[in-house]
Amino acid sequence: GDVYLEQGIKPEIEIFDAGMLGVAEYF
């Protein structure tokens, strides 16, 4: 995530299971 912020790259947050939504929210 920090690399994407530094480089101005848009993250494509890939979600394979519902719990990953919480992981993304945490970061």
mmCIF file of all heavy atoms, coordinates in Angstrom:
data_MODEL
# 
_entry.id   MODEL 
# 
loop_
_atom_site.group_PDB 
_atom_site.id 
_atom_site.type_symbol 
_atom_site.label_atom_id 
_atom_site.label_alt_id 
_atom_site.label_comp_id 
_atom_site.label_asym_id 
_atom_site.label_entity_id 
_atom_site.label_seq_id 
_atom_site.pdbx_PDB_ins_code 
_atom_site.Cartn_x 
_atom_site.Cartn_y 
_atom_site.Cartn_z 
_atom_site.occupancy 
_atom_site.B_iso_or_equiv 
_atom_site.pdbx_formal_charge 
_atom_site.auth_seq_id 
_atom_site.auth_comp_id 
_atom_site.auth_asym_id 
_atom_site.auth_atom_id 
_atom_site.pdbx_PDB_model_num 
ATOM 1   N N   . GLY A 1 1  ? 0.821   -1.212  0.000   1.00 0.00 ? 1  GLY A N   1 
ATOM 2   C CA  . GLY A 1 1  ? 0.000   0.000   0.000   1.00 0.00 ? 1  GLY A CA  1 
ATOM 3   C C   . GLY A 1 1  ? 0.850   1.254   0.000   1.00 0.00 ? 1  GLY A C   1 
ATOM 4   O O   . GLY A 1 1  ? 0.534   2.232   -0.693  1.00 0.00 ? 1  GLY A O   1 
ATOM 5   N N   . ASP A 1 2  ? 1.932   1.241   0.764   1.00 0.00 ? 2  ASP A N   1 
ATOM 6   C CA  . ASP A 1 2  ? 2.813   2.409   0.819   1.00 0.00 ? 2  ASP A CA  1 
ATOM 7   C C   . ASP A 1 2  ? 3.497   2.653   -0.525  1.00 0.00 ? 2  ASP A C   1 
ATOM 8   O O   . ASP A 1 2  ? 3.668   3.812   -0.946  1.00 0.00 ? 2  ASP A O   1 
ATOM 9   C CB  . ASP A 1 2  ? 3.867   2.233   1.914   1.00 0.00 ? 2  ASP A CB  1 
ATOM 10  C CG  . ASP A 1 2  ? 3.286   2.359   3.317   1.00 0.00 ? 2  ASP A CG  1 
ATOM 11  O OD1 . ASP A 1 2  ? 2.138   2.834   3.447   1.00 0.00 ? 2  ASP A OD1 1 
ATOM 12  O OD2 . ASP A 1 2  ? 3.976   1.966   4.277   1.00 0.00 ? 2  ASP A OD2 1 
ATOM 13  N N   . VAL A 1 3  ? 3.897   1.579   -1.206  1.00 0.00 ? 3  VAL A N   1 
ATOM 14  C CA  . VAL A 1 3  ? 4.493   1.727   -2.537  1.00 0.00 ? 3  VAL A CA  1 
ATOM 15  C C   . VAL A 1 3  ? 3.498   2.375   -3.490  1.00 0.00 ? 3  VAL A C   1 
ATOM 16  O O   . VAL A 1 3  ? 3.844   3.298   -4.255  1.00 0.00 ? 3  VAL A O   1 
ATOM 17  C CB  . VAL A 1 3  ? 4.968   0.364   -3.085  1.00 0.00 ? 3  VAL A CB  1 
ATOM 18  C CG1 . VAL A 1 3  ? 5.327   0.466   -4.572  1.00 0.00 ? 3  VAL A CG1 1 
ATOM 19  C CG2 . VAL A 1 3  ? 6.170   -0.131  -2.298  1.00 0.00 ? 3  VAL A CG2 1 
ATOM 20  N N   . TYR A 1 4  ? 2.262   1.918   -3.471  1.00 0.00 ? 4  TYR A N   1 
ATOM 21  C CA  . TYR A 1 4  ? 1.251   2.496   -4.348  1.00 0.00 ? 4  TYR A CA  1 
ATOM 22  C C   . TYR A 1 4  ? 1.024   3.972   -4.034  1.00 0.00 ? 4  TYR A C   1 
ATOM 23  O O   . TYR A 1 4  ? 0.858   4.792   -4.953  1.00 0.00 ? 4  TYR A O   1 
ATOM 24  C CB  . TYR A 1 4  ? -0.058  1.718   -4.222  1.00 0.00 ? 4  TYR A CB  1 
ATOM 25  C CG  . TYR A 1 4  ? -0.034  0.334   -4.856  1.00 0.00 ? 4  TYR A CG  1 
ATOM 26  C CD1 . TYR A 1 4  ? -1.014  -0.599  -4.569  1.00 0.00 ? 4  TYR A CD1 1 
ATOM 27  C CD2 . TYR A 1 4  ? 0.969   -0.044  -5.737  1.00 0.00 ? 4  TYR A CD2 1 
ATOM 28  C CE1 . TYR A 1 4  ? -1.005  -1.869  -5.146  1.00 0.00 ? 4  TYR A CE1 1 
ATOM 29  C CE2 . TYR A 1 4  ? 1.001   -1.296  -6.317  1.00 0.00 ? 4  TYR A CE2 1 
ATOM 30  C CZ  . TYR A 1 4  ? 0.008   -2.200  -6.022  1.00 0.00 ? 4  TYR A CZ  1 
ATOM 31  O OH  . TYR A 1 4  ? 0.018   -3.454  -6.599  1.00 0.00 ? 4  TYR A OH  1 
ATOM 32  N N   . LEU A 1 5  ? 1.006   4.315   -2.756  1.00 0.00 ? 5  LEU A N   1 
ATOM 33  C CA  . LEU A 1 5  ? 0.850   5.727   -2.380  1.00 0.00 ? 5  LEU A CA  1 
ATOM 34  C C   . LEU A 1 5  ? 2.042   6.547   -2.886  1.00 0.00 ? 5  LEU A C   1 
ATOM 35  O O   . LEU A 1 5  ? 1.865   7.637   -3.442  1.00 0.00 ? 5  LEU A O   1 
ATOM 36  C CB  . LEU A 1 5  ? 0.732   5.852   -0.865  1.00 0.00 ? 5  LEU A CB  1 
ATOM 37  C CG  . LEU A 1 5  ? -0.588  5.398   -0.242  1.00 0.00 ? 5  LEU A CG  1 
ATOM 38  C CD1 . LEU A 1 5  ? -0.460  5.328   1.280   1.00 0.00 ? 5  LEU A CD1 1 
ATOM 39  C CD2 . LEU A 1 5  ? -1.722  6.358   -0.620  1.00 0.00 ? 5  LEU A CD2 1 
ATOM 40  N N   . GLU A 1 6  ? 3.245   6.028   -2.707  1.00 0.00 ? 6  GLU A N   1 
ATOM 41  C CA  . GLU A 1 6  ? 4.453   6.745   -3.127  1.00 0.00 ? 6  GLU A CA  1 
ATOM 42  C C   . GLU A 1 6  ? 4.490   6.961   -4.634  1.00 0.00 ? 6  GLU A C   1 
ATOM 43  O O   . GLU A 1 6  ? 4.927   8.016   -5.117  1.00 0.00 ? 6  GLU A O   1 
ATOM 44  C CB  . GLU A 1 6  ? 5.693   5.948   -2.705  1.00 0.00 ? 6  GLU A CB  1 
ATOM 45  C CG  . GLU A 1 6  ? 5.909   5.877   -1.212  1.00 0.00 ? 6  GLU A CG  1 
ATOM 46  C CD  . GLU A 1 6  ? 6.909   4.780   -0.836  1.00 0.00 ? 6  GLU A CD  1 
ATOM 47  O OE1 . GLU A 1 6  ? 7.479   4.140   -1.768  1.00 0.00 ? 6  GLU A OE1 1 
ATOM 48  O OE2 . GLU A 1 6  ? 7.112   4.551   0.365   1.00 0.00 ? 6  GLU A OE2 1 
ATOM 49  N N   . GLN A 1 7  ? 4.037   5.966   -5.394  1.00 0.00 ? 7  GLN A N   1 
ATOM 50  C CA  . GLN A 1 7  ? 4.146   6.003   -6.849  1.00 0.00 ? 7  GLN A CA  1 
ATOM 51  C C   . GLN A 1 7  ? 2.895   6.549   -7.535  1.00 0.00 ? 7  GLN A C   1 
ATOM 52  O O   . GLN A 1 7  ? 2.874   6.672   -8.767  1.00 0.00 ? 7  GLN A O   1 
ATOM 53  C CB  . GLN A 1 7  ? 4.448   4.594   -7.385  1.00 0.00 ? 7  GLN A CB  1 
ATOM 54  C CG  . GLN A 1 7  ? 5.743   4.004   -6.858  1.00 0.00 ? 7  GLN A CG  1 
ATOM 55  C CD  . GLN A 1 7  ? 6.961   4.815   -7.244  1.00 0.00 ? 7  GLN A CD  1 
ATOM 56  O OE1 . GLN A 1 7  ? 7.045   5.352   -8.345  1.00 0.00 ? 7  GLN A OE1 1 
ATOM 57  N NE2 . GLN A 1 7  ? 7.915   4.925   -6.326  1.00 0.00 ? 7  GLN A NE2 1 
ATOM 58  N N   . GLY A 1 8  ? 1.860   6.866   -6.769  1.00 0.00 ? 8  GLY A N   1 
ATOM 59  C CA  . GLY A 1 8  ? 0.624   7.358   -7.374  1.00 0.00 ? 8  GLY A CA  1 
ATOM 60  C C   . GLY A 1 8  ? -0.113  6.301   -8.165  1.00 0.00 ? 8  GLY A C   1 
ATOM 61  O O   . GLY A 1 8  ? -0.785  6.610   -9.165  1.00 0.00 ? 8  GLY A O   1 
ATOM 62  N N   . ILE A 1 9  ? -0.003  5.031   -7.733  1.00 0.00 ? 9  ILE A N   1 
ATOM 63  C CA  . ILE A 1 9  ? -0.648  3.911   -8.408  1.00 0.00 ? 9  ILE A CA  1 
ATOM 64  C C   . ILE A 1 9  ? -1.972  3.606   -7.717  1.00 0.00 ? 9  ILE A C   1 
ATOM 65  O O   . ILE A 1 9  ? -2.034  3.536   -6.481  1.00 0.00 ? 9  ILE A O   1 
ATOM 66  C CB  . ILE A 1 9  ? 0.272   2.680   -8.402  1.00 0.00 ? 9  ILE A CB  1 
ATOM 67  C CG1 . ILE A 1 9  ? 1.488   2.938   -9.292  1.00 0.00 ? 9  ILE A CG1 1 
ATOM 68  C CG2 . ILE A 1 9  ? -0.461  1.419   -8.850  1.00 0.00 ? 9  ILE A CG2 1 
ATOM 69  C CD1 . ILE A 1 9  ? 2.566   1.869   -9.196  1.00 0.00 ? 9  ILE A CD1 1 
ATOM 70  N N   . LYS A 1 10 ? -3.026  3.429   -8.494  1.00 0.00 ? 10 LYS A N   1 
ATOM 71  C CA  . LYS A 1 10 ? -4.345  3.130   -7.948  1.00 0.00 ? 10 LYS A CA  1 
ATOM 72  C C   . LYS A 1 10 ? -4.425  1.657   -7.549  1.00 0.00 ? 10 LYS A C   1 
ATOM 73  O O   . LYS A 1 10 ? -4.252  0.774   -8.387  1.00 0.00 ? 10 LYS A O   1 
ATOM 74  C CB  . LYS A 1 10 ? -5.419  3.435   -8.992  1.00 0.00 ? 10 LYS A CB  1 
ATOM 75  C CG  . LYS A 1 10 ? -6.847  3.106   -8.542  1.00 0.00 ? 10 LYS A CG  1 
ATOM 76  C CD  . LYS A 1 10 ? -7.399  4.150   -7.602  1.00 0.00 ? 10 LYS A CD  1 
ATOM 77  C CE  . LYS A 1 10 ? -8.845  3.879   -7.248  1.00 0.00 ? 10 LYS A CE  1 
ATOM 78  N NZ  . LYS A 1 10 ? -9.444  4.947   -6.428  1.00 0.00 ? 10 LYS A NZ  1 
ATOM 79  N N   . PRO A 1 11 ? -4.685  1.358   -6.267  1.00 0.00 ? 11 PRO A N   1 
ATOM 80  C CA  . PRO A 1 11 ? -4.821  -0.049  -5.881  1.00 0.00 ? 11 PRO A CA  1 
ATOM 81  C C   . PRO A 1 11 ? -6.125  -0.647  -6.420  1.00 0.00 ? 11 PRO A C   1 
ATOM 82  O O   . PRO A 1 11 ? -7.179  -0.010  -6.368  1.00 0.00 ? 11 PRO A O   1 
ATOM 83  C CB  . PRO A 1 11 ? -4.854  -0.006  -4.353  1.00 0.00 ? 11 PRO A CB  1 
ATOM 84  C CG  . PRO A 1 11 ? -4.376  1.361   -3.976  1.00 0.00 ? 11 PRO A CG  1 
ATOM 85  C CD  . PRO A 1 11 ? -4.766  2.260   -5.110  1.00 0.00 ? 11 PRO A CD  1 
ATOM 86  N N   . GLU A 1 12 ? -6.021  -1.856  -6.933  1.00 0.00 ? 12 GLU A N   1 
ATOM 87  C CA  . GLU A 1 12 ? -7.188  -2.663  -7.252  1.00 0.00 ? 12 GLU A CA  1 
ATOM 88  C C   . GLU A 1 12 ? -7.281  -3.691  -6.128  1.00 0.00 ? 12 GLU A C   1 
ATOM 89  O O   . GLU A 1 12 ? -6.523  -4.660  -6.093  1.00 0.00 ? 12 GLU A O   1 
ATOM 90  C CB  . GLU A 1 12 ? -7.013  -3.349  -8.605  1.00 0.00 ? 12 GLU A CB  1 
ATOM 91  C CG  . GLU A 1 12 ? -8.163  -4.274  -8.973  1.00 0.00 ? 12 GLU A CG  1 
ATOM 92  C CD  . GLU A 1 12 ? -7.816  -5.160  -10.155 1.00 0.00 ? 12 GLU A CD  1 
ATOM 93  O OE1 . GLU A 1 12 ? -6.835  -5.925  -10.052 1.00 0.00 ? 12 GLU A OE1 1 
ATOM 94  O OE2 . GLU A 1 12 ? -8.518  -5.081  -11.173 1.00 0.00 ? 12 GLU A OE2 1 
ATOM 95  N N   . ILE A 1 13 ? -8.187  -3.468  -5.194  1.00 0.00 ? 13 ILE A N   1 
ATOM 96  C CA  . ILE A 1 13 ? -8.266  -4.304  -3.995  1.00 0.00 ? 13 ILE A CA  1 
ATOM 97  C C   . ILE A 1 13 ? -9.029  -5.575  -4.334  1.00 0.00 ? 13 ILE A C   1 
ATOM 98  O O   . ILE A 1 13 ? -10.252 -5.558  -4.494  1.00 0.00 ? 13 ILE A O   1 
ATOM 99  C CB  . ILE A 1 13 ? -8.932  -3.533  -2.838  1.00 0.00 ? 13 ILE A CB  1 
ATOM 100 C CG1 . ILE A 1 13 ? -8.155  -2.248  -2.546  1.00 0.00 ? 13 ILE A CG1 1 
ATOM 101 C CG2 . ILE A 1 13 ? -8.995  -4.421  -1.598  1.00 0.00 ? 13 ILE A CG2 1 
ATOM 102 C CD1 . ILE A 1 13 ? -8.811  -1.356  -1.518  1.00 0.00 ? 13 ILE A CD1 1 
ATOM 103 N N   . GLU A 1 14 ? -8.291  -6.662  -4.441  1.00 0.00 ? 14 GLU A N   1 
ATOM 104 C CA  . GLU A 1 14 ? -8.897  -7.927  -4.855  1.00 0.00 ? 14 GLU A CA  1 
ATOM 105 C C   . GLU A 1 14 ? -9.446  -8.651  -3.626  1.00 0.00 ? 14 GLU A C   1 
ATOM 106 O O   . GLU A 1 14 ? -8.718  -8.910  -2.663  1.00 0.00 ? 14 GLU A O   1 
ATOM 107 C CB  . GLU A 1 14 ? -7.874  -8.777  -5.604  1.00 0.00 ? 14 GLU A CB  1 
ATOM 108 C CG  . GLU A 1 14 ? -7.387  -8.095  -6.877  1.00 0.00 ? 14 GLU A CG  1 
ATOM 109 C CD  . GLU A 1 14 ? -6.805  -9.048  -7.900  1.00 0.00 ? 14 GLU A CD  1 
ATOM 110 O OE1 . GLU A 1 14 ? -6.479  -10.198 -7.540  1.00 0.00 ? 14 GLU A OE1 1 
ATOM 111 O OE2 . GLU A 1 14 ? -6.692  -8.642  -9.072  1.00 0.00 ? 14 GLU A OE2 1 
ATOM 112 N N   . ILE A 1 15 ? -10.743 -8.964  -3.694  1.00 0.00 ? 15 ILE A N   1 
ATOM 113 C CA  . ILE A 1 15 ? -11.462 -9.569  -2.581  1.00 0.00 ? 15 ILE A CA  1 
ATOM 114 C C   . ILE A 1 15 ? -11.880 -10.976 -2.975  1.00 0.00 ? 15 ILE A C   1 
ATOM 115 O O   . ILE A 1 15 ? -12.711 -11.163 -3.863  1.00 0.00 ? 15 ILE A O   1 
ATOM 116 C CB  . ILE A 1 15 ? -12.702 -8.733  -2.203  1.00 0.00 ? 15 ILE A CB  1 
ATOM 117 C CG1 . ILE A 1 15 ? -12.315 -7.288  -1.845  1.00 0.00 ? 15 ILE A CG1 1 
ATOM 118 C CG2 . ILE A 1 15 ? -13.480 -9.398  -1.076  1.00 0.00 ? 15 ILE A CG2 1 
ATOM 119 C CD1 . ILE A 1 15 ? -11.475 -7.146  -0.603  1.00 0.00 ? 15 ILE A CD1 1 
ATOM 120 N N   . PHE A 1 16 ? -11.290 -11.966 -2.318  1.00 0.00 ? 16 PHE A N   1 
ATOM 121 C CA  . PHE A 1 16 ? -11.641 -13.358 -2.566  1.00 0.00 ? 16 PHE A CA  1 
ATOM 122 C C   . PHE A 1 16 ? -12.618 -13.900 -1.529  1.00 0.00 ? 16 PHE A C   1 
ATOM 123 O O   . PHE A 1 16 ? -13.249 -14.928 -1.761  1.00 0.00 ? 16 PHE A O   1 
ATOM 124 C CB  . PHE A 1 16 ? -10.384 -14.230 -2.560  1.00 0.00 ? 16 PHE A CB  1 
ATOM 125 C CG  . PHE A 1 16 ? -9.458  -13.977 -3.708  1.00 0.00 ? 16 PHE A CG  1 
ATOM 126 C CD1 . PHE A 1 16 ? -8.532  -12.950 -3.661  1.00 0.00 ? 16 PHE A CD1 1 
ATOM 127 C CD2 . PHE A 1 16 ? -9.497  -14.771 -4.851  1.00 0.00 ? 16 PHE A CD2 1 
ATOM 128 C CE1 . PHE A 1 16 ? -7.664  -12.715 -4.717  1.00 0.00 ? 16 PHE A CE1 1 
ATOM 129 C CE2 . PHE A 1 16 ? -8.638  -14.552 -5.915  1.00 0.00 ? 16 PHE A CE2 1 
ATOM 130 C CZ  . PHE A 1 16 ? -7.720  -13.513 -5.850  1.00 0.00 ? 16 PHE A CZ  1 
ATOM 131 N N   . ASP A 1 17 ? -12.712 -13.235 -0.380  1.00 0.00 ? 17 ASP A N   1 
ATOM 132 C CA  . ASP A 1 17 ? -13.611 -13.663 0.684   1.00 0.00 ? 17 ASP A CA  1 
ATOM 133 C C   . ASP A 1 17 ? -14.011 -12.443 1.499   1.00 0.00 ? 17 ASP A C   1 
ATOM 134 O O   . ASP A 1 17 ? -13.310 -11.418 1.498   1.00 0.00 ? 17 ASP A O   1 
ATOM 135 C CB  . ASP A 1 17 ? -12.937 -14.703 1.576   1.00 0.00 ? 17 ASP A CB  1 
ATOM 136 C CG  . ASP A 1 17 ? -13.907 -15.719 2.134   1.00 0.00 ? 17 ASP A CG  1 
ATOM 137 O OD1 . ASP A 1 17 ? -15.129 -15.440 2.136   1.00 0.00 ? 17 ASP A OD1 1 
ATOM 138 O OD2 . ASP A 1 17 ? -13.464 -16.802 2.566   1.00 0.00 ? 17 ASP A OD2 1 
ATOM 139 N N   . ALA A 1 18 ? -15.146 -12.558 2.193   1.00 0.00 ? 18 ALA A N   1 
ATOM 140 C CA  . ALA A 1 18 ? -15.736 -11.385 2.846   1.00 0.00 ? 18 ALA A CA  1 
ATOM 141 C C   . ALA A 1 18 ? -14.816 -10.771 3.892   1.00 0.00 ? 18 ALA A C   1 
ATOM 142 O O   . ALA A 1 18 ? -14.801 -9.551  4.083   1.00 0.00 ? 18 ALA A O   1 
ATOM 143 C CB  . ALA A 1 18 ? -17.081 -11.767 3.473   1.00 0.00 ? 18 ALA A CB  1 
ATOM 144 N N   . GLY A 1 19 ? -14.054 -11.597 4.602   1.00 0.00 ? 19 GLY A N   1 
ATOM 145 C CA  . GLY A 1 19 ? -13.177 -11.057 5.632   1.00 0.00 ? 19 GLY A CA  1 
ATOM 146 C C   . GLY A 1 19 ? -12.127 -10.107 5.101   1.00 0.00 ? 19 GLY A C   1 
ATOM 147 O O   . GLY A 1 19 ? -11.603 -9.268  5.854   1.00 0.00 ? 19 GLY A O   1 
ATOM 148 N N   . MET A 1 20 ? -11.822 -10.194 3.818   1.00 0.00 ? 20 MET A N   1 
ATOM 149 C CA  . MET A 1 20 ? -10.823 -9.303  3.235   1.00 0.00 ? 20 MET A CA  1 
ATOM 150 C C   . MET A 1 20 ? -11.302 -7.855  3.191   1.00 0.00 ? 20 MET A C   1 
ATOM 151 O O   . MET A 1 20 ? -10.478 -6.933  3.115   1.00 0.00 ? 20 MET A O   1 
ATOM 152 C CB  . MET A 1 20 ? -10.434 -9.789  1.845   1.00 0.00 ? 20 MET A CB  1 
ATOM 153 C CG  . MET A 1 20 ? -9.710  -11.114 1.852   1.00 0.00 ? 20 MET A CG  1 
ATOM 154 S SD  . MET A 1 20 ? -9.159  -11.599 0.195   1.00 0.00 ? 20 MET A SD  1 
ATOM 155 C CE  . MET A 1 20 ? -8.423  -13.196 0.551   1.00 0.00 ? 20 MET A CE  1 
ATOM 156 N N   . LEU A 1 21 ? -12.611 -7.648  3.227   1.00 0.00 ? 21 LEU A N   1 
ATOM 157 C CA  . LEU A 1 21 ? -13.118 -6.271  3.299   1.00 0.00 ? 21 LEU A CA  1 
ATOM 158 C C   . LEU A 1 21 ? -12.618 -5.584  4.566   1.00 0.00 ? 21 LEU A C   1 
ATOM 159 O O   . LEU A 1 21 ? -12.250 -4.400  4.543   1.00 0.00 ? 21 LEU A O   1 
ATOM 160 C CB  . LEU A 1 21 ? -14.644 -6.264  3.271   1.00 0.00 ? 21 LEU A CB  1 
ATOM 161 C CG  . LEU A 1 21 ? -15.313 -6.758  1.986   1.00 0.00 ? 21 LEU A CG  1 
ATOM 162 C CD1 . LEU A 1 21 ? -16.831 -6.769  2.164   1.00 0.00 ? 21 LEU A CD1 1 
ATOM 163 C CD2 . LEU A 1 21 ? -14.927 -5.907  0.793   1.00 0.00 ? 21 LEU A CD2 1 
ATOM 164 N N   . GLY A 1 22 ? -12.602 -6.325  5.666   1.00 0.00 ? 22 GLY A N   1 
ATOM 165 C CA  . GLY A 1 22 ? -12.106 -5.762  6.920   1.00 0.00 ? 22 GLY A CA  1 
ATOM 166 C C   . GLY A 1 22 ? -10.620 -5.493  6.887   1.00 0.00 ? 22 GLY A C   1 
ATOM 167 O O   . GLY A 1 22 ? -10.139 -4.516  7.479   1.00 0.00 ? 22 GLY A O   1 
ATOM 168 N N   . VAL A 1 23 ? -9.867  -6.343  6.197   1.00 0.00 ? 23 VAL A N   1 
ATOM 169 C CA  . VAL A 1 23 ? -8.426  -6.121  6.056   1.00 0.00 ? 23 VAL A CA  1 
ATOM 170 C C   . VAL A 1 23 ? -8.168  -4.813  5.304   1.00 0.00 ? 23 VAL A C   1 
ATOM 171 O O   . VAL A 1 23 ? -7.343  -3.988  5.713   1.00 0.00 ? 23 VAL A O   1 
ATOM 172 C CB  . VAL A 1 23 ? -7.763  -7.308  5.336   1.00 0.00 ? 23 VAL A CB  1 
ATOM 173 C CG1 . VAL A 1 23 ? -6.291  -7.016  5.062   1.00 0.00 ? 23 VAL A CG1 1 
ATOM 174 C CG2 . VAL A 1 23 ? -7.909  -8.584  6.152   1.00 0.00 ? 23 VAL A CG2 1 
ATOM 175 N N   . ALA A 1 24 ? -8.889  -4.635  4.203   1.00 0.00 ? 24 ALA A N   1 
ATOM 176 C CA  . ALA A 1 24 ? -8.729  -3.403  3.433   1.00 0.00 ? 24 ALA A CA  1 
ATOM 177 C C   . ALA A 1 24 ? -9.109  -2.186  4.269   1.00 0.00 ? 24 ALA A C   1 
ATOM 178 O O   . ALA A 1 24 ? -8.408  -1.158  4.254   1.00 0.00 ? 24 ALA A O   1 
ATOM 179 C CB  . ALA A 1 24 ? -9.575  -3.460  2.163   1.00 0.00 ? 24 ALA A CB  1 
ATOM 180 N N   . GLU A 1 25 ? -10.209 -2.290  5.011   1.00 0.00 ? 25 GLU A N   1 
ATOM 181 C CA  . GLU A 1 25 ? -10.643 -1.164  5.857   1.00 0.00 ? 25 GLU A CA  1 
ATOM 182 C C   . GLU A 1 25 ? -9.583  -0.818  6.898   1.00 0.00 ? 25 GLU A C   1 
ATOM 183 O O   . GLU A 1 25 ? -9.329  0.357   7.181   1.00 0.00 ? 25 GLU A O   1 
ATOM 184 C CB  . GLU A 1 25 ? -11.963 -1.517  6.539   1.00 0.00 ? 25 GLU A CB  1 
ATOM 185 C CG  . GLU A 1 25 ? -12.520 -0.397  7.396   1.00 0.00 ? 25 GLU A CG  1 
ATOM 186 C CD  . GLU A 1 25 ? -13.829 -0.767  8.075   1.00 0.00 ? 25 GLU A CD  1 
ATOM 187 O OE1 . GLU A 1 25 ? -14.232 -1.946  7.986   1.00 0.00 ? 25 GLU A OE1 1 
ATOM 188 O OE2 . GLU A 1 25 ? -14.440 0.119   8.697   1.00 0.00 ? 25 GLU A OE2 1 
ATOM 189 N N   . TYR A 1 26 ? -8.937  -1.843  7.455   1.00 0.00 ? 26 TYR A N   1 
ATOM 190 C CA  . TYR A 1 26 ? -7.888  -1.621  8.449   1.00 0.00 ? 26 TYR A CA  1 
ATOM 191 C C   . TYR A 1 26 ? -6.760  -0.777  7.852   1.00 0.00 ? 26 TYR A C   1 
ATOM 192 O O   . TYR A 1 26 ? -6.310  0.209   8.467   1.00 0.00 ? 26 TYR A O   1 
ATOM 193 C CB  . TYR A 1 26 ? -7.344  -2.960  8.933   1.00 0.00 ? 26 TYR A CB  1 
ATOM 194 C CG  . TYR A 1 26 ? -6.117  -2.856  9.807   1.00 0.00 ? 26 TYR A CG  1 
ATOM 195 C CD1 . TYR A 1 26 ? -6.227  -2.669  11.186  1.00 0.00 ? 26 TYR A CD1 1 
ATOM 196 C CD2 . TYR A 1 26 ? -4.831  -2.929  9.258   1.00 0.00 ? 26 TYR A CD2 1 
ATOM 197 C CE1 . TYR A 1 26 ? -5.097  -2.557  11.989  1.00 0.00 ? 26 TYR A CE1 1 
ATOM 198 C CE2 . TYR A 1 26 ? -3.701  -2.821  10.053  1.00 0.00 ? 26 TYR A CE2 1 
ATOM 199 C CZ  . TYR A 1 26 ? -3.845  -2.639  11.414  1.00 0.00 ? 26 TYR A CZ  1 
ATOM 200 O OH  . TYR A 1 26 ? -2.714  -2.517  12.208  1.00 0.00 ? 26 TYR A OH  1 
ATOM 201 N N   . PHE A 1 27 ? -6.310  -1.144  6.648   1.00 0.00 ? 27 PHE A N   1 
ATOM 202 C CA  . PHE A 1 27 ? -5.181  -0.421  6.058   1.00 0.00 ? 27 PHE A CA  1 
ATOM 203 C C   . PHE A 1 27 ? -5.591  0.964   5.552   1.00 0.00 ? 27 PHE A C   1 
ATOM 204 O O   . PHE A 1 27 ? -4.753  1.874   5.503   1.00 0.00 ? 27 PHE A O   1 
ATOM 205 C CB  . PHE A 1 27 ? -4.527  -1.255  4.961   1.00 0.00 ? 27 PHE A CB  1 
ATOM 206 C CG  . PHE A 1 27 ? -3.696  -2.381  5.516   1.00 0.00 ? 27 PHE A CG  1 
ATOM 207 C CD1 . PHE A 1 27 ? -4.089  -3.695  5.365   1.00 0.00 ? 27 PHE A CD1 1 
ATOM 208 C CD2 . PHE A 1 27 ? -2.534  -2.106  6.211   1.00 0.00 ? 27 PHE A CD2 1 
ATOM 209 C CE1 . PHE A 1 27 ? -3.326  -4.725  5.903   1.00 0.00 ? 27 PHE A CE1 1 
ATOM 210 C CE2 . PHE A 1 27 ? -1.758  -3.128  6.753   1.00 0.00 ? 27 PHE A CE2 1 
ATOM 211 C CZ  . PHE A 1 27 ? -2.161  -4.444  6.600   1.00 0.00 ? 27 PHE A CZ  1 
# 
